[in-house]
Full PDB file with SEQRES, HELIX, SHEET, SSBOND, CRYST1, ORIGX, SCALE, CONECT and MASTER records, all heavy atoms in Angstrom:
SEQRES   1 A   37  GLN ALA CYS THR ASP PHE PHE PRO ARG LEU GLN GLU GLY          
SEQRES   2 A   37  PHE SER ILE LEU ILE PRO TRP THR PRO LEU LEU LEU ILE          
SEQRES   3 A   37  ILE ALA THR LEU PHE GLU LEU ILE GLY GLY LEU                  
HELIX    1 AA1 ALA A    2  THR A    4  5                                   3    
HELIX    2 AA2 PRO A    8  LEU A   17  1                                  10    
HELIX    3 AA3 ILE A   18  TRP A   20  5                                   3    
HELIX    4 AA4 THR A   21  GLY A   36  1                                  16    
CRYST1    1.000    1.000    1.000  90.00  90.00  90.00 P 1           1          
ORIGX1      1.000000  0.000000  0.000000        0.00000                         
ORIGX2      0.000000  1.000000  0.000000        0.00000                         
ORIGX3      0.000000  0.000000  1.000000        0.00000                         
SCALE1      1.000000  0.000000  0.000000        0.00000                         
SCALE2      0.000000  1.000000  0.000000        0.00000                         
SCALE3      0.000000  0.000000  1.000000        0.00000                         
ATOM      1  N   GLN A   1      35.075  75.770 -61.175  1.00  0.00           N  
ATOM      2  CA  GLN A   1      36.436  75.327 -61.440  1.00  0.00           C  
ATOM      3  C   GLN A   1      37.048  74.743 -60.162  1.00  0.00           C  
ATOM      4  O   GLN A   1      37.696  73.698 -60.199  1.00  0.00           O  
ATOM      5  CB  GLN A   1      37.284  76.480 -61.962  1.00  0.00           C  
ATOM      6  CG  GLN A   1      38.696  76.073 -62.334  1.00  0.00           C  
ATOM      7  CD  GLN A   1      39.547  77.254 -62.745  1.00  0.00           C  
ATOM      8  OE1 GLN A   1      39.279  78.381 -62.353  1.00  0.00           O  
ATOM      9  NE2 GLN A   1      40.570  76.990 -63.530  1.00  0.00           N  
ATOM     10  N   ALA A   2      36.825  75.394 -59.038  1.00  0.00           N  
ATOM     11  CA  ALA A   2      37.368  74.924 -57.765  1.00  0.00           C  
ATOM     12  C   ALA A   2      36.709  73.627 -57.304  1.00  0.00           C  
ATOM     13  O   ALA A   2      37.362  72.782 -56.689  1.00  0.00           O  
ATOM     14  CB  ALA A   2      37.190  76.001 -56.700  1.00  0.00           C  
ATOM     15  N   CYS A   3      35.434  73.458 -57.611  1.00  0.00           N  
ATOM     16  CA  CYS A   3      34.697  72.274 -57.150  1.00  0.00           C  
ATOM     17  C   CYS A   3      34.884  71.060 -58.059  1.00  0.00           C  
ATOM     18  O   CYS A   3      34.401  69.978 -57.731  1.00  0.00           O  
ATOM     19  CB  CYS A   3      33.211  72.595 -57.030  1.00  0.00           C  
ATOM     20  SG  CYS A   3      32.836  73.752 -55.716  1.00  0.00           S  
ATOM     21  N   THR A   4      35.541  71.235 -59.183  1.00  0.00           N  
ATOM     22  CA  THR A   4      35.704  70.113 -60.115  1.00  0.00           C  
ATOM     23  C   THR A   4      37.150  69.631 -60.174  1.00  0.00           C  
ATOM     24  O   THR A   4      37.592  69.114 -61.196  1.00  0.00           O  
ATOM     25  CB  THR A   4      35.240  70.515 -61.529  1.00  0.00           C  
ATOM     26  OG1 THR A   4      35.959  71.675 -61.954  1.00  0.00           O  
ATOM     27  CG2 THR A   4      33.750  70.772 -61.569  1.00  0.00           C  
ATOM     28  N   ASP A   5      37.879  69.773 -59.060  1.00  0.00           N  
ATOM     29  CA  ASP A   5      39.281  69.360 -59.048  1.00  0.00           C  
ATOM     30  C   ASP A   5      39.442  67.847 -59.232  1.00  0.00           C  
ATOM     31  O   ASP A   5      40.502  67.379 -59.599  1.00  0.00           O  
ATOM     32  CB  ASP A   5      39.978  69.834 -57.783  1.00  0.00           C  
ATOM     33  CG  ASP A   5      39.316  69.340 -56.513  1.00  0.00           C  
ATOM     34  OD1 ASP A   5      38.211  68.780 -56.594  1.00  0.00           O  
ATOM     35  OD2 ASP A   5      39.904  69.535 -55.430  1.00  0.00           O  
ATOM     36  N   PHE A   6      38.383  67.094 -59.027  1.00  0.00           N  
ATOM     37  CA  PHE A   6      38.412  65.647 -59.225  1.00  0.00           C  
ATOM     38  C   PHE A   6      38.342  65.261 -60.708  1.00  0.00           C  
ATOM     39  O   PHE A   6      38.574  64.114 -61.064  1.00  0.00           O  
ATOM     40  CB  PHE A   6      37.248  64.981 -58.482  1.00  0.00           C  
ATOM     41  CG  PHE A   6      35.898  65.495 -58.930  1.00  0.00           C  
ATOM     42  CD1 PHE A   6      35.217  64.897 -59.972  1.00  0.00           C  
ATOM     43  CD2 PHE A   6      35.318  66.585 -58.291  1.00  0.00           C  
ATOM     44  CE1 PHE A   6      33.982  65.380 -60.387  1.00  0.00           C  
ATOM     45  CE2 PHE A   6      34.088  67.067 -58.698  1.00  0.00           C  
ATOM     46  CZ  PHE A   6      33.420  66.474 -59.752  1.00  0.00           C  
ATOM     47  N   PHE A   7      38.011  66.233 -61.561  1.00  0.00           N  
ATOM     48  CA  PHE A   7      37.867  65.972 -62.988  1.00  0.00           C  
ATOM     49  C   PHE A   7      38.655  67.035 -63.761  1.00  0.00           C  
ATOM     50  O   PHE A   7      38.112  68.094 -64.081  1.00  0.00           O  
ATOM     51  CB  PHE A   7      36.381  65.979 -63.368  1.00  0.00           C  
ATOM     52  CG  PHE A   7      36.069  65.361 -64.693  1.00  0.00           C  
ATOM     53  CD1 PHE A   7      36.521  64.093 -65.019  1.00  0.00           C  
ATOM     54  CD2 PHE A   7      35.323  66.052 -65.629  1.00  0.00           C  
ATOM     55  CE1 PHE A   7      36.230  63.526 -66.246  1.00  0.00           C  
ATOM     56  CE2 PHE A   7      35.028  65.504 -66.855  1.00  0.00           C  
ATOM     57  CZ  PHE A   7      35.486  64.226 -67.164  1.00  0.00           C  
ATOM     58  N   PRO A   8      39.923  66.774 -64.038  1.00  0.00           N  
ATOM     59  CA  PRO A   8      40.809  67.798 -64.625  1.00  0.00           C  
ATOM     60  C   PRO A   8      40.306  68.401 -65.935  1.00  0.00           C  
ATOM     61  O   PRO A   8      40.475  69.597 -66.170  1.00  0.00           O  
ATOM     62  CB  PRO A   8      42.129  67.058 -64.844  1.00  0.00           C  
ATOM     63  CG  PRO A   8      42.090  65.883 -63.940  1.00  0.00           C  
ATOM     64  CD  PRO A   8      40.650  65.534 -63.769  1.00  0.00           C  
ATOM     65  N   ARG A   9      39.694  67.617 -66.798  1.00  0.00           N  
ATOM     66  CA  ARG A   9      39.214  68.164 -68.078  1.00  0.00           C  
ATOM     67  C   ARG A   9      38.109  69.201 -67.864  1.00  0.00           C  
ATOM     68  O   ARG A   9      38.066  70.212 -68.544  1.00  0.00           O  
ATOM     69  CB  ARG A   9      38.712  67.051 -68.983  1.00  0.00           C  
ATOM     70  CG  ARG A   9      39.805  66.223 -69.568  1.00  0.00           C  
ATOM     71  CD  ARG A   9      39.360  65.736 -70.928  1.00  0.00           C  
ATOM     72  NE  ARG A   9      40.325  64.816 -71.460  1.00  0.00           N  
ATOM     73  CZ  ARG A   9      41.112  65.110 -72.479  1.00  0.00           C  
ATOM     74  NH1 ARG A   9      41.022  66.270 -73.062  1.00  0.00           N  
ATOM     75  NH2 ARG A   9      41.983  64.230 -72.920  1.00  0.00           N  
ATOM     76  N   LEU A  10      37.206  68.917 -66.943  1.00  0.00           N  
ATOM     77  CA  LEU A  10      36.137  69.864 -66.635  1.00  0.00           C  
ATOM     78  C   LEU A  10      36.718  71.132 -66.015  1.00  0.00           C  
ATOM     79  O   LEU A  10      36.319  72.245 -66.365  1.00  0.00           O  
ATOM     80  CB  LEU A  10      35.124  69.209 -65.696  1.00  0.00           C  
ATOM     81  CG  LEU A  10      33.787  69.887 -65.511  1.00  0.00           C  
ATOM     82  CD1 LEU A  10      33.088  70.107 -66.852  1.00  0.00           C  
ATOM     83  CD2 LEU A  10      32.895  69.057 -64.614  1.00  0.00           C  
ATOM     84  N   GLN A  11      37.674  70.960 -65.127  1.00  0.00           N  
ATOM     85  CA  GLN A  11      38.339  72.099 -64.507  1.00  0.00           C  
ATOM     86  C   GLN A  11      39.045  72.946 -65.571  1.00  0.00           C  
ATOM     87  O   GLN A  11      38.968  74.174 -65.547  1.00  0.00           O  
ATOM     88  CB  GLN A  11      39.339  71.588 -63.475  1.00  0.00           C  
ATOM     89  CG  GLN A  11      39.823  72.637 -62.534  1.00  0.00           C  
ATOM     90  CD  GLN A  11      40.681  72.042 -61.439  1.00  0.00           C  
ATOM     91  OE1 GLN A  11      41.405  71.071 -61.657  1.00  0.00           O  
ATOM     92  NE2 GLN A  11      40.605  72.631 -60.262  1.00  0.00           N  
ATOM     93  N   GLU A  12      39.680  72.301 -66.515  1.00  0.00           N  
ATOM     94  CA  GLU A  12      40.337  73.013 -67.617  1.00  0.00           C  
ATOM     95  C   GLU A  12      39.312  73.755 -68.478  1.00  0.00           C  
ATOM     96  O   GLU A  12      39.555  74.882 -68.917  1.00  0.00           O  
ATOM     97  CB  GLU A  12      41.110  72.007 -68.470  1.00  0.00           C  
ATOM     98  CG  GLU A  12      41.906  72.609 -69.584  1.00  0.00           C  
ATOM     99  CD  GLU A  12      42.636  71.532 -70.384  1.00  0.00           C  
ATOM    100  OE1 GLU A  12      43.250  70.640 -69.765  1.00  0.00           O  
ATOM    101  OE2 GLU A  12      42.577  71.594 -71.623  1.00  0.00           O  
ATOM    102  N   GLY A  13      38.158  73.130 -68.702  1.00  0.00           N  
ATOM    103  CA  GLY A  13      37.091  73.780 -69.470  1.00  0.00           C  
ATOM    104  C   GLY A  13      36.620  75.066 -68.819  1.00  0.00           C  
ATOM    105  O   GLY A  13      36.423  76.076 -69.495  1.00  0.00           O  
ATOM    106  N   PHE A  14      36.468  75.037 -67.506  1.00  0.00           N  
ATOM    107  CA  PHE A  14      36.058  76.262 -66.803  1.00  0.00           C  
ATOM    108  C   PHE A  14      37.152  77.319 -66.857  1.00  0.00           C  
ATOM    109  O   PHE A  14      36.867  78.504 -66.964  1.00  0.00           O  
ATOM    110  CB  PHE A  14      35.654  75.955 -65.361  1.00  0.00           C  
ATOM    111  CG  PHE A  14      34.287  75.351 -65.265  1.00  0.00           C  
ATOM    112  CD1 PHE A  14      34.114  74.031 -64.912  1.00  0.00           C  
ATOM    113  CD2 PHE A  14      33.165  76.102 -65.546  1.00  0.00           C  
ATOM    114  CE1 PHE A  14      32.862  73.465 -64.839  1.00  0.00           C  
ATOM    115  CE2 PHE A  14      31.892  75.549 -65.484  1.00  0.00           C  
ATOM    116  CZ  PHE A  14      31.743  74.225 -65.130  1.00  0.00           C  
ATOM    117  N   SER A  15      38.417  76.894 -66.794  1.00  0.00           N  
ATOM    118  CA  SER A  15      39.499  77.877 -66.883  1.00  0.00           C  
ATOM    119  C   SER A  15      39.532  78.533 -68.267  1.00  0.00           C  
ATOM    120  O   SER A  15      39.923  79.692 -68.397  1.00  0.00           O  
ATOM    121  CB  SER A  15      40.855  77.240 -66.552  1.00  0.00           C  
ATOM    122  OG  SER A  15      41.246  76.331 -67.552  1.00  0.00           O  
ATOM    123  N   ILE A  16      39.098  77.829 -69.296  1.00  0.00           N  
ATOM    124  CA  ILE A  16      39.005  78.403 -70.640  1.00  0.00           C  
ATOM    125  C   ILE A  16      37.828  79.373 -70.717  1.00  0.00           C  
ATOM    126  O   ILE A  16      37.914  80.421 -71.370  1.00  0.00           O  
ATOM    127  CB  ILE A  16      38.875  77.290 -71.703  1.00  0.00           C  
ATOM    128  CG1 ILE A  16      40.180  76.492 -71.785  1.00  0.00           C  
ATOM    129  CG2 ILE A  16      38.483  77.858 -73.060  1.00  0.00           C  
ATOM    130  CD1 ILE A  16      40.082  75.221 -72.607  1.00  0.00           C  
ATOM    131  N   LEU A  17      36.707  79.065 -70.053  1.00  0.00           N  
ATOM    132  CA  LEU A  17      35.512  79.914 -70.107  1.00  0.00           C  
ATOM    133  C   LEU A  17      35.646  81.220 -69.330  1.00  0.00           C  
ATOM    134  O   LEU A  17      35.062  82.230 -69.719  1.00  0.00           O  
ATOM    135  CB  LEU A  17      34.305  79.145 -69.569  1.00  0.00           C  
ATOM    136  CG  LEU A  17      33.729  78.046 -70.443  1.00  0.00           C  
ATOM    137  CD1 LEU A  17      32.586  77.341 -69.719  1.00  0.00           C  
ATOM    138  CD2 LEU A  17      33.256  78.608 -71.773  1.00  0.00           C  
ATOM    139  N   ILE A  18      36.414  81.217 -68.261  1.00  0.00           N  
ATOM    140  CA  ILE A  18      36.479  82.389 -67.376  1.00  0.00           C  
ATOM    141  C   ILE A  18      36.861  83.672 -68.119  1.00  0.00           C  
ATOM    142  O   ILE A  18      36.200  84.695 -67.933  1.00  0.00           O  
ATOM    143  CB  ILE A  18      37.388  82.105 -66.157  1.00  0.00           C  
ATOM    144  CG1 ILE A  18      36.688  81.090 -65.248  1.00  0.00           C  
ATOM    145  CG2 ILE A  18      37.719  83.385 -65.390  1.00  0.00           C  
ATOM    146  CD1 ILE A  18      37.538  80.548 -64.121  1.00  0.00           C  
ATOM    147  N   PRO A  19      37.883  83.669 -68.983  1.00  0.00           N  
ATOM    148  CA  PRO A  19      38.196  84.918 -69.698  1.00  0.00           C  
ATOM    149  C   PRO A  19      37.091  85.377 -70.661  1.00  0.00           C  
ATOM    150  O   PRO A  19      37.049  86.531 -71.060  1.00  0.00           O  
ATOM    151  CB  PRO A  19      39.472  84.588 -70.483  1.00  0.00           C  
ATOM    152  CG  PRO A  19      40.017  83.359 -69.876  1.00  0.00           C  
ATOM    153  CD  PRO A  19      38.875  82.642 -69.247  1.00  0.00           C  
ATOM    154  N   TRP A  20      36.206  84.473 -71.031  1.00  0.00           N  
ATOM    155  CA  TRP A  20      35.123  84.783 -71.959  1.00  0.00           C  
ATOM    156  C   TRP A  20      33.844  85.208 -71.247  1.00  0.00           C  
ATOM    157  O   TRP A  20      32.780  85.296 -71.868  1.00  0.00           O  
ATOM    158  CB  TRP A  20      34.840  83.568 -72.855  1.00  0.00           C  
ATOM    159  CG  TRP A  20      35.980  83.251 -73.767  1.00  0.00           C  
ATOM    160  CD1 TRP A  20      36.970  82.335 -73.559  1.00  0.00           C  
ATOM    161  CD2 TRP A  20      36.266  83.863 -75.015  1.00  0.00           C  
ATOM    162  NE1 TRP A  20      37.850  82.339 -74.607  1.00  0.00           N  
ATOM    163  CE2 TRP A  20      37.435  83.269 -75.521  1.00  0.00           C  
ATOM    164  CE3 TRP A  20      35.646  84.867 -75.758  1.00  0.00           C  
ATOM    165  CZ2 TRP A  20      37.992  83.650 -76.727  1.00  0.00           C  
ATOM    166  CZ3 TRP A  20      36.202  85.236 -76.964  1.00  0.00           C  
ATOM    167  CH2 TRP A  20      37.364  84.637 -77.432  1.00  0.00           C  
ATOM    168  N   THR A  21      33.932  85.492 -69.962  1.00  0.00           N  
ATOM    169  CA  THR A  21      32.756  85.866 -69.176  1.00  0.00           C  
ATOM    170  C   THR A  21      31.932  86.989 -69.812  1.00  0.00           C  
ATOM    171  O   THR A  21      30.706  86.857 -69.914  1.00  0.00           O  
ATOM    172  CB  THR A  21      33.172  86.225 -67.733  1.00  0.00           C  
ATOM    173  OG1 THR A  21      33.806  85.096 -67.140  1.00  0.00           O  
ATOM    174  CG2 THR A  21      31.974  86.624 -66.902  1.00  0.00           C  
ATOM    175  N   PRO A  22      32.538  88.092 -70.262  1.00  0.00           N  
ATOM    176  CA  PRO A  22      31.714  89.158 -70.861  1.00  0.00           C  
ATOM    177  C   PRO A  22      30.929  88.679 -72.091  1.00  0.00           C  
ATOM    178  O   PRO A  22      29.744  89.006 -72.228  1.00  0.00           O  
ATOM    179  CB  PRO A  22      32.731  90.234 -71.245  1.00  0.00           C  
ATOM    180  CG  PRO A  22      33.903  89.984 -70.363  1.00  0.00           C  
ATOM    181  CD  PRO A  22      33.937  88.502 -70.159  1.00  0.00           C  
ATOM    182  N   LEU A  23      31.568  87.905 -72.952  1.00  0.00           N  
ATOM    183  CA  LEU A  23      30.874  87.401 -74.141  1.00  0.00           C  
ATOM    184  C   LEU A  23      29.761  86.434 -73.753  1.00  0.00           C  
ATOM    185  O   LEU A  23      28.660  86.479 -74.325  1.00  0.00           O  
ATOM    186  CB  LEU A  23      31.856  86.721 -75.099  1.00  0.00           C  
ATOM    187  CG  LEU A  23      31.243  86.155 -76.374  1.00  0.00           C  
ATOM    188  CD1 LEU A  23      30.616  87.256 -77.219  1.00  0.00           C  
ATOM    189  CD2 LEU A  23      32.284  85.385 -77.174  1.00  0.00           C  
ATOM    190  N   LEU A  24      30.019  85.560 -72.793  1.00  0.00           N  
ATOM    191  CA  LEU A  24      28.989  84.621 -72.333  1.00  0.00           C  
ATOM    192  C   LEU A  24      27.781  85.372 -71.772  1.00  0.00           C  
ATOM    193  O   LEU A  24      26.629  84.987 -72.014  1.00  0.00           O  
ATOM    194  CB  LEU A  24      29.556  83.679 -71.269  1.00  0.00           C  
ATOM    195  CG  LEU A  24      30.626  82.697 -71.734  1.00  0.00           C  
ATOM    196  CD1 LEU A  24      31.220  81.953 -70.546  1.00  0.00           C  
ATOM    197  CD2 LEU A  24      30.069  81.728 -72.756  1.00  0.00           C  
ATOM    198  N   LEU A  25      28.051  86.451 -71.054  1.00  0.00           N  
ATOM    199  CA  LEU A  25      26.959  87.237 -70.480  1.00  0.00           C  
ATOM    200  C   LEU A  25      26.171  87.963 -71.569  1.00  0.00           C  
ATOM    201  O   LEU A  25      24.943  88.043 -71.492  1.00  0.00           O  
ATOM    202  CB  LEU A  25      27.511  88.222 -69.450  1.00  0.00           C  
ATOM    203  CG  LEU A  25      26.491  88.904 -68.557  1.00  0.00           C  
ATOM    204  CD1 LEU A  25      25.669  87.884 -67.775  1.00  0.00           C  
ATOM    205  CD2 LEU A  25      27.198  89.856 -67.596  1.00  0.00           C  
ATOM    206  N   ILE A  26      26.859  88.450 -72.587  1.00  0.00           N  
ATOM    207  CA  ILE A  26      26.169  89.087 -73.717  1.00  0.00           C  
ATOM    208  C   ILE A  26      25.255  88.081 -74.406  1.00  0.00           C  
ATOM    209  O   ILE A  26      24.078  88.361 -74.675  1.00  0.00           O  
ATOM    210  CB  ILE A  26      27.181  89.680 -74.723  1.00  0.00           C  
ATOM    211  CG1 ILE A  26      27.855  90.907 -74.133  1.00  0.00           C  
ATOM    212  CG2 ILE A  26      26.501  90.032 -76.048  1.00  0.00           C  
ATOM    213  CD1 ILE A  26      29.054  91.412 -74.938  1.00  0.00           C  
ATOM    214  N   ILE A  27      25.778  86.886 -74.684  1.00  0.00           N  
ATOM    215  CA  ILE A  27      24.985  85.853 -75.362  1.00  0.00           C  
ATOM    216  C   ILE A  27      23.782  85.461 -74.511  1.00  0.00           C  
ATOM    217  O   ILE A  27      22.660  85.367 -75.010  1.00  0.00           O  
ATOM    218  CB  ILE A  27      25.861  84.632 -75.698  1.00  0.00           C  
ATOM    219  CG1 ILE A  27      26.893  85.005 -76.768  1.00  0.00           C  
ATOM    220  CG2 ILE A  27      25.006  83.446 -76.154  1.00  0.00           C  
ATOM    221  CD1 ILE A  27      27.972  83.968 -76.984  1.00  0.00           C  
ATOM    222  N   ALA A  28      24.012  85.238 -73.217  1.00  0.00           N  
ATOM    223  CA  ALA A  28      22.915  84.850 -72.318  1.00  0.00           C  
ATOM    224  C   ALA A  28      21.839  85.931 -72.275  1.00  0.00           C  
ATOM    225  O   ALA A  28      20.640  85.631 -72.342  1.00  0.00           O  
ATOM    226  CB  ALA A  28      23.461  84.583 -70.920  1.00  0.00           C  
ATOM    227  N   THR A  29      22.265  87.190 -72.196  1.00  0.00           N  
ATOM    228  CA  THR A  29      21.311  88.297 -72.127  1.00  0.00           C  
ATOM    229  C   THR A  29      20.515  88.411 -73.424  1.00  0.00           C  
ATOM    230  O   THR A  29      19.294  88.613 -73.395  1.00  0.00           O  
ATOM    231  CB  THR A  29      22.046  89.623 -71.824  1.00  0.00           C  
ATOM    232  OG1 THR A  29      22.812  89.453 -70.626  1.00  0.00           O  
ATOM    233  CG2 THR A  29      21.076  90.763 -71.647  1.00  0.00           C  
ATOM    234  N   LEU A  30      21.189  88.256 -74.556  1.00  0.00           N  
ATOM    235  CA  LEU A  30      20.484  88.292 -75.841  1.00  0.00           C  
ATOM    236  C   LEU A  30      19.477  87.151 -75.960  1.00  0.00           C  
ATOM    237  O   LEU A  30      18.352  87.353 -76.428  1.00  0.00           O  
ATOM    238  CB  LEU A  30      21.474  88.252 -77.004  1.00  0.00           C  
ATOM    239  CG  LEU A  30      22.253  89.539 -77.246  1.00  0.00           C  
ATOM    240  CD1 LEU A  30      23.327  89.327 -78.311  1.00  0.00           C  
ATOM    241  CD2 LEU A  30      21.322  90.672 -77.636  1.00  0.00           C  
ATOM    242  N   PHE A  31      19.868  85.949 -75.545  1.00  0.00           N  
ATOM    243  CA  PHE A  31      18.943  84.816 -75.584  1.00  0.00           C  
ATOM    244  C   PHE A  31      17.721  85.092 -74.712  1.00  0.00           C  
ATOM    245  O   PHE A  31      16.589  84.808 -75.108  1.00  0.00           O  
ATOM    246  CB  PHE A  31      19.634  83.531 -75.130  1.00  0.00           C  
ATOM    247  CG  PHE A  31      20.410  82.823 -76.190  1.00  0.00           C  
ATOM    248  CD1 PHE A  31      21.000  83.494 -77.252  1.00  0.00           C  
ATOM    249  CD2 PHE A  31      20.567  81.449 -76.144  1.00  0.00           C  
ATOM    250  CE1 PHE A  31      21.714  82.835 -78.227  1.00  0.00           C  
ATOM    251  CE2 PHE A  31      21.275  80.769 -77.117  1.00  0.00           C  
ATOM    252  CZ  PHE A  31      21.855  81.464 -78.159  1.00  0.00           C  
ATOM    253  N   GLU A  32      17.946  85.650 -73.517  1.00  0.00           N  
ATOM    254  CA  GLU A  32      16.828  85.965 -72.621  1.00  0.00           C  
ATOM    255  C   GLU A  32      15.899  87.010 -73.224  1.00  0.00           C  
ATOM    256  O   GLU A  32      14.678  86.829 -73.237  1.00  0.00           O  
ATOM    257  CB  GLU A  32      17.347  86.499 -71.285  1.00  0.00           C  
ATOM    258  CG  GLU A  32      17.689  85.449 -70.286  1.00  0.00           C  
ATOM    259  CD  GLU A  32      17.954  86.052 -68.926  1.00  0.00           C  
ATOM    260  OE1 GLU A  32      18.924  86.822 -68.775  1.00  0.00           O  
ATOM    261  OE2 GLU A  32      17.178  85.742 -67.994  1.00  0.00           O  
ATOM    262  N   LEU A  33      16.469  88.101 -73.702  1.00  0.00           N  
ATOM    263  CA  LEU A  33      15.645  89.200 -74.208  1.00  0.00           C  
ATOM    264  C   LEU A  33      14.956  88.848 -75.522  1.00  0.00           C  
ATOM    265  O   LEU A  33      13.745  89.073 -75.675  1.00  0.00           O  
ATOM    266  CB  LEU A  33      16.495  90.464 -74.374  1.00  0.00           C  
ATOM    267  CG  LEU A  33      16.971  91.105 -73.070  1.00  0.00           C  
ATOM    268  CD1 LEU A  33      17.934  92.247 -73.357  1.00  0.00           C  
ATOM    269  CD2 LEU A  33      15.802  91.579 -72.232  1.00  0.00           C  
ATOM    270  N   ILE A  34      15.692  88.290 -76.467  1.00  0.00           N  
ATOM    271  CA  ILE A  34      15.088  87.936 -77.758  1.00  0.00           C  
ATOM    272  C   ILE A  34      14.073  86.817 -77.581  1.00  0.00           C  
ATOM    273  O   ILE A  34      12.948  86.896 -78.079  1.00  0.00           O  
ATOM    274  CB  ILE A  34      16.173  87.560 -78.791  1.00  0.00           C  
ATOM    275  CG1 ILE A  34      17.023  88.789 -79.135  1.00  0.00           C  
ATOM    276  CG2 ILE A  34      15.543  86.976 -80.046  1.00  0.00           C  
ATOM    277  CD1 ILE A  34      18.275  88.475 -79.938  1.00  0.00           C  
ATOM    278  N   GLY A  35      14.457  85.774 -76.840  1.00  0.00           N  
ATOM    279  CA  GLY A  35      13.532  84.668 -76.598  1.00  0.00           C  
ATOM    280  C   GLY A  35      12.287  85.112 -75.862  1.00  0.00           C  
ATOM    281  O   GLY A  35      11.162  84.739 -76.208  1.00  0.00           O  
ATOM    282  N   GLY A  36      12.465  85.947 -74.838  1.00  0.00           N  
ATOM    283  CA  GLY A  36      11.326  86.454 -74.080  1.00  0.00           C  
ATOM    284  C   GLY A  36      10.398  87.312 -74.928  1.00  0.00           C  
ATOM    285  O   GLY A  36       9.174  87.188 -74.842  1.00  0.00           O  
ATOM    286  N   LEU A  37      10.972  88.175 -75.758  1.00  0.00           N  
ATOM    287  CA  LEU A  37      10.151  89.029 -76.627  1.00  0.00           C  
ATOM    288  C   LEU A  37       9.398  88.209 -77.675  1.00  0.00           C  
ATOM    289  O   LEU A  37       8.215  88.458 -77.937  1.00  0.00           O  
ATOM    290  CB  LEU A  37      11.011  90.088 -77.310  1.00  0.00           C  
ATOM    291  CG  LEU A  37      11.374  91.295 -76.456  1.00  0.00           C  
ATOM    292  CD1 LEU A  37      12.390  92.175 -77.174  1.00  0.00           C  
ATOM    293  CD2 LEU A  37      10.134  92.091 -76.091  1.00  0.00           C  
TER     294      LEU A  37                                                      
MASTER        0    0    0    4    0    0    0    6  293    1    0    3          
END                                                                             
């Protein structure tokens, strides 16, 4: 978010994702474990 100050829409997208960090981590972990298995 800090490195994309030149592109406001991208910066806004990251600001929307930040509160969803726990859910994103759950999804990523499930993809890793299920895909790996």
